Protein backbone atom coordinates (compact mmCIF):
# COMPACT_ATOMS: atom_id res chain seq x y z
CA MET A 1 16.63 -16.73 -42.91
CA ASN A 2 17.86 -20.24 -41.40
CA PHE A 3 17.66 -19.96 -37.80
CA ASP A 4 16.50 -22.68 -34.86
CA MET A 5 12.76 -20.83 -33.64
CA ASP A 6 12.91 -23.33 -30.59
CA GLN A 7 16.60 -22.71 -29.64
CA LEU A 8 16.29 -19.02 -29.48
CA VAL A 9 12.25 -19.04 -27.89
CA ASP A 10 14.30 -21.01 -25.39
CA ARG A 11 16.21 -18.10 -24.48
CA TYR A 12 14.10 -15.52 -24.84
CA VAL A 13 12.22 -17.24 -21.97
CA SER A 14 15.30 -17.88 -19.87
CA VAL A 15 16.54 -14.16 -19.73
CA TRP A 16 13.99 -13.45 -17.89
CA ASN A 17 14.49 -16.02 -15.21
CA GLU A 18 18.08 -15.26 -15.06
CA SER A 19 19.17 -14.02 -11.63
CA ASP A 20 22.90 -13.23 -12.23
CA PRO A 21 22.81 -9.35 -13.77
CA ALA A 22 26.01 -9.69 -15.35
CA ALA A 23 24.80 -13.16 -17.15
CA ARG A 24 21.41 -11.33 -18.06
CA LYS A 25 22.97 -8.34 -19.60
CA ALA A 26 25.04 -10.69 -22.04
CA ALA A 27 21.60 -12.80 -22.95
CA VAL A 28 20.23 -9.34 -23.86
CA ALA A 29 22.90 -8.48 -25.98
CA ALA A 30 22.88 -11.74 -27.65
CA LEU A 31 19.42 -11.74 -28.50
CA TRP A 32 18.48 -8.20 -29.42
CA ALA A 33 19.98 -5.93 -31.54
CA ALA A 34 21.81 -2.71 -30.27
CA ASP A 35 18.91 -0.58 -31.60
CA GLY A 36 16.17 -3.00 -31.01
CA THR A 37 13.08 -2.56 -29.18
CA GLU A 38 10.70 -4.01 -27.22
CA VAL A 39 6.75 -2.85 -26.82
CA ILE A 40 4.23 -3.51 -24.39
CA GLU A 41 0.59 -2.24 -23.56
CA THR A 42 1.85 0.50 -21.85
CA ALA A 43 5.74 1.17 -23.02
CA THR A 44 8.30 1.08 -25.25
CA TYR A 45 11.68 0.13 -24.45
CA HIS A 46 14.48 0.64 -27.22
CA GLY A 47 17.84 -0.55 -27.03
CA HIS A 48 20.26 -2.72 -24.41
CA GLU A 49 19.82 -0.36 -21.54
CA ALA A 50 16.26 -0.11 -21.67
CA ILE A 51 15.52 -3.71 -22.42
CA GLU A 52 17.72 -5.02 -19.50
CA ALA A 53 16.15 -2.58 -17.30
CA ARG A 54 12.48 -3.81 -17.97
CA ILE A 55 13.80 -7.28 -17.63
CA ALA A 56 15.69 -6.81 -14.52
CA GLU A 57 12.37 -5.02 -12.90
CA ALA A 58 10.19 -7.85 -14.31
CA HIS A 59 12.66 -10.67 -12.41
CA GLU A 60 13.05 -8.96 -9.17
CA THR A 61 9.17 -8.30 -9.04
CA LEU A 62 8.12 -11.78 -10.28
CA VAL A 63 10.33 -13.98 -10.12
CA ARG A 64 12.42 -13.38 -6.94
CA ASP A 65 10.12 -12.17 -4.67
CA GLY A 66 6.98 -12.84 -6.43
CA GLY A 67 8.11 -16.87 -6.72
CA PHE A 68 7.09 -17.09 -10.08
CA VAL A 69 8.83 -18.69 -13.21
CA PHE A 70 8.12 -18.29 -16.93
CA ARG A 71 8.26 -21.34 -19.42
CA ALA A 72 7.67 -21.33 -23.33
CA ALA A 73 4.30 -22.87 -24.53
CA GLY A 74 6.07 -24.89 -26.93
CA ASP A 75 4.16 -23.46 -29.85
CA ALA A 76 6.66 -21.46 -31.66
CA ALA A 77 5.84 -20.68 -35.60
CA GLY A 78 7.28 -18.58 -38.01
CA HIS A 79 8.41 -17.82 -41.48
CA HIS A 80 11.05 -15.52 -42.97
CA ASP A 81 11.95 -12.94 -40.29
CA SER A 82 9.08 -13.52 -38.01
CA ILE A 83 8.76 -15.72 -34.91
CA HIS A 84 4.86 -16.05 -33.21
CA PHE A 85 4.90 -18.15 -29.83
CA THR A 86 3.53 -18.22 -26.27
CA THR A 87 5.44 -18.00 -22.68
CA HIS A 88 3.15 -18.49 -19.38
CA MET A 89 4.27 -17.24 -15.97
CA LEU A 90 3.54 -19.89 -13.18
CA PRO A 91 4.42 -20.48 -9.69
CA ALA A 92 7.86 -22.04 -9.39
CA GLY A 93 6.71 -24.79 -6.89
CA GLY A 94 3.88 -25.79 -9.28
CA GLY A 95 0.24 -24.57 -9.59
CA GLU A 96 -1.79 -22.33 -12.00
CA LEU A 97 -1.02 -20.12 -14.68
CA ALA A 98 -0.54 -16.57 -13.03
CA TRP A 99 -0.32 -15.03 -16.66
CA THR A 100 0.24 -15.62 -20.79
CA GLY A 101 1.90 -13.78 -22.79
CA SER A 102 1.66 -13.61 -26.64
CA ILE A 103 4.89 -12.78 -28.06
CA PHE A 104 5.97 -11.64 -31.77
CA VAL A 105 9.42 -11.01 -32.78
CA LYS A 106 11.19 -9.64 -35.87
CA LEU A 107 14.64 -10.83 -36.35
CA GLY A 108 17.68 -8.68 -38.40
CA GLU A 109 19.78 -10.38 -41.16
CA ASP A 110 21.95 -11.55 -37.63
CA GLY A 111 19.18 -13.13 -36.24
CA LEU A 112 19.07 -10.65 -33.57
CA ILE A 113 15.72 -8.88 -32.70
CA LEU A 114 15.13 -5.73 -33.95
CA GLU A 115 11.10 -5.58 -32.93
CA ASP A 116 9.37 -7.51 -29.77
CA HIS A 117 5.94 -7.11 -29.26
CA GLN A 118 4.06 -8.54 -26.15
CA PHE A 119 0.43 -9.19 -25.59
CA ALA A 120 -1.09 -10.24 -22.52
CA VAL A 121 -3.83 -13.02 -23.18
CA PRO A 122 -6.79 -13.02 -20.40
CA LEU A 123 -6.80 -16.10 -18.82
CA PRO A 124 -9.96 -18.63 -19.63
CA GLU A 125 -12.64 -17.18 -17.65
CA THR A 126 -13.39 -20.95 -15.67
CA ARG A 127 -9.88 -20.85 -14.60
CA ALA A 128 -9.54 -17.35 -13.59
CA VAL A 129 -12.38 -17.17 -11.24
CA VAL A 130 -11.49 -20.49 -9.47
CA ALA A 131 -7.86 -18.77 -8.86
CA GLU A 132 -9.25 -16.21 -7.46
CA LEU A 133 -11.67 -17.86 -5.41
CA LEU A 134 -9.43 -20.36 -4.04
CA ARG A 135 -7.00 -16.43 -3.38
CA ARG A 136 -9.73 -14.64 -1.52
CA THR A 137 -10.39 -18.38 0.32
CA GLY A 138 -6.94 -18.53 1.45
CA GLU A 139 -7.42 -14.64 2.81
CA GLY A 140 -9.90 -15.72 4.43
CA ASP A 141 -12.27 -12.80 4.04
CA PRO A 142 -15.94 -13.94 3.89
CA ASP A 143 -17.32 -10.47 2.74
CA ARG A 144 -14.96 -10.74 -0.43
CA ILE A 145 -15.57 -14.55 -1.17
CA VAL A 146 -19.19 -14.48 -1.54
CA GLU A 147 -18.60 -11.59 -4.46
CA LEU A 148 -17.65 -14.12 -6.51
CA TYR A 149 -20.73 -16.51 -6.04
CA ALA A 150 -24.21 -15.85 -8.19
CA PRO A 151 -26.78 -14.59 -6.16
CA THR A 152 -28.52 -18.11 -5.99
CA VAL A 153 -25.87 -20.74 -5.48
CA ASP A 154 -26.63 -24.73 -6.06
CA TRP A 155 -24.47 -25.44 -2.87
CA ARG A 156 -23.77 -28.95 -1.73
CA VAL A 157 -21.78 -30.64 0.93
CA SER A 158 -21.36 -34.25 0.55
CA TRP A 159 -22.61 -34.91 4.72
CA PRO A 160 -25.16 -37.22 6.20
CA VAL A 161 -28.04 -35.43 7.68
CA GLU A 162 -27.09 -36.64 11.41
CA HIS A 163 -24.39 -35.06 11.51
CA HIS A 164 -25.55 -31.49 10.80
CA PRO A 165 -25.89 -30.47 14.33
CA VAL A 166 -22.44 -32.07 15.15
CA VAL A 167 -20.33 -29.54 12.73
CA PRO A 168 -21.78 -26.11 12.72
CA TRP A 169 -21.19 -24.82 8.94
CA ILE A 170 -22.67 -27.91 7.51
CA ARG A 171 -26.41 -26.84 6.84
CA PRO A 172 -28.37 -26.26 3.42
CA ARG A 173 -27.02 -23.21 1.48
CA SER A 174 -28.78 -21.23 -1.67
CA THR A 175 -27.78 -17.77 -1.14
CA ARG A 176 -24.90 -15.49 -0.50
CA ALA A 177 -25.84 -14.26 2.69
CA ASP A 178 -26.24 -18.27 3.04
CA ILE A 179 -22.44 -18.83 1.80
CA ALA A 180 -20.88 -15.61 3.83
CA ASP A 181 -22.69 -17.43 6.97
CA HIS A 182 -20.60 -20.44 6.30
CA PHE A 183 -17.28 -19.21 5.97
CA HIS A 184 -17.81 -17.04 8.92
CA THR A 185 -18.77 -19.99 11.00
CA PHE A 186 -15.97 -21.93 9.54
CA GLY A 187 -13.73 -19.18 10.49
CA LYS A 188 -14.96 -19.52 13.88
CA HIS A 189 -14.25 -22.89 14.97
CA CYS A 190 -11.27 -23.31 12.99
CA ASP A 191 -7.86 -21.53 13.80
CA PRO A 192 -7.08 -19.93 10.43
CA ALA A 193 -3.63 -19.64 11.66
CA GLU A 194 -3.63 -23.26 11.92
CA ALA A 195 -4.85 -23.94 8.62
CA ARG A 196 -2.85 -25.98 5.97
CA VAL A 197 -4.66 -26.53 2.37
CA THR A 198 -2.89 -28.06 -0.23
CA VAL A 199 -4.43 -27.89 -3.89
CA ASP A 200 -2.94 -30.83 -6.23
CA ASP A 201 -5.03 -30.29 -9.40
CA ILE A 202 -7.23 -27.99 -10.78
CA LEU A 203 -9.15 -29.59 -13.79
CA VAL A 204 -11.23 -27.32 -15.85
CA ASP A 205 -13.74 -28.24 -19.18
CA GLY A 206 -15.92 -25.22 -19.79
CA ARG A 207 -17.63 -24.08 -17.03
CA CYS A 208 -16.71 -26.89 -15.06
CA ALA A 209 -14.19 -27.28 -13.04
CA VAL A 210 -12.86 -29.81 -10.17
CA VAL A 211 -10.42 -28.66 -7.54
CA THR A 212 -8.81 -31.70 -5.62
CA GLY A 213 -6.31 -30.94 -2.48
CA THR A 214 -5.93 -31.72 0.75
CA SER A 215 -6.97 -29.66 3.73
CA SER A 216 -5.67 -29.93 7.72
CA GLN A 217 -7.72 -27.66 9.90
CA LEU A 218 -7.62 -27.09 13.92
CA VAL A 219 -10.64 -27.40 15.72
CA LYS A 220 -10.61 -24.76 18.35
CA ASP A 221 -13.18 -26.16 20.67
CA THR A 222 -11.39 -29.49 21.13
CA GLY A 223 -7.95 -28.65 20.24
CA LYS A 224 -8.22 -31.59 17.92
CA ARG A 225 -6.82 -31.28 13.84
CA PHE A 226 -8.11 -32.71 10.92
CA THR A 227 -6.93 -33.75 7.92
CA MET A 228 -8.86 -34.60 4.64
CA ALA A 229 -8.70 -35.17 0.79
CA PHE A 230 -11.30 -33.19 -0.28
CA ALA A 231 -12.88 -32.55 -4.41
CA LEU A 232 -14.76 -29.43 -5.03
CA ARG A 233 -16.81 -29.10 -7.98
CA LEU A 234 -17.69 -25.71 -9.45
CA THR A 235 -19.75 -23.94 -12.21
CA VAL A 236 -18.62 -20.70 -13.15
CA GLU A 237 -21.29 -18.71 -15.18
CA ASP A 238 -20.74 -15.31 -16.41
CA GLY A 239 -17.92 -15.15 -14.19
CA LEU A 240 -19.57 -16.42 -11.15
CA VAL A 241 -19.69 -19.53 -9.09
CA THR A 242 -23.51 -21.18 -9.52
CA ARG A 243 -22.37 -24.57 -8.72
CA HIS A 244 -20.50 -25.14 -5.14
CA HIS A 245 -20.21 -29.44 -4.63
CA MET A 246 -17.88 -29.94 -1.96
CA TYR A 247 -16.69 -34.03 -1.55
CA GLU A 248 -14.80 -34.73 1.77
CA ASP A 249 -14.35 -37.01 4.75
CA SER A 250 -17.08 -36.29 6.59
CA LEU A 251 -16.30 -38.85 9.59
CA ALA A 252 -12.89 -37.27 9.94
CA VAL A 253 -14.52 -33.67 10.65
CA VAL A 254 -16.91 -35.26 13.13
CA GLN A 255 -13.86 -36.90 14.98
CA ALA A 256 -11.95 -33.98 15.55
CA PHE A 257 -15.49 -31.77 16.97
CA THR A 258 -16.33 -35.16 19.72
């Protein structure tokens, strides 16, 4: 069978991003055979109507309301009547992967999909833990945050010793109780409603990760705001953070407190 794999994969991925119901319905009919099926871990969808309803629901939940977009990984491979490829779901504005799917499709002689099997691919442990840590930190619940840390942590903040008395949360930490106190104290002195944090990159190499970005916080006691670039170095072992090294502009924070 002669077919353009990359073109078919692009059309397949595009249908999940399609916001126009009529265009989506036409795209489904142009991709799947009338008696085609899609199989996921929890359900099977048979025929155009069921597949269209399944994609419409996913689009409304994940793309329209969730702010995600689907992208092809560019790894399509196949032979005879079968293709295997990978799709990713990530924030439309850029950011870390939220979901990865391994897709296997079998085509009929007319090039339409007869069988479509989707398998969710677990995200690498380090990346998944870091993403969850950032999510929980954004929610601001210290007790939920510390659940992701090991009982003993190599915790380091790049601050001169003489600044420790000035900024309340700056002191040595090593246990979950210490770390919970750090986040409780931080929230007590910086207004969470005024926080502006942007993550630029998350670099992962095995168990290690580096998060870079910008943090802007309003100090309640003085009414001053500090804005600084930061780099957070993390190590994840057995699903828990064992190292937390933060590199930031300590002078900007001290000036906001004085």
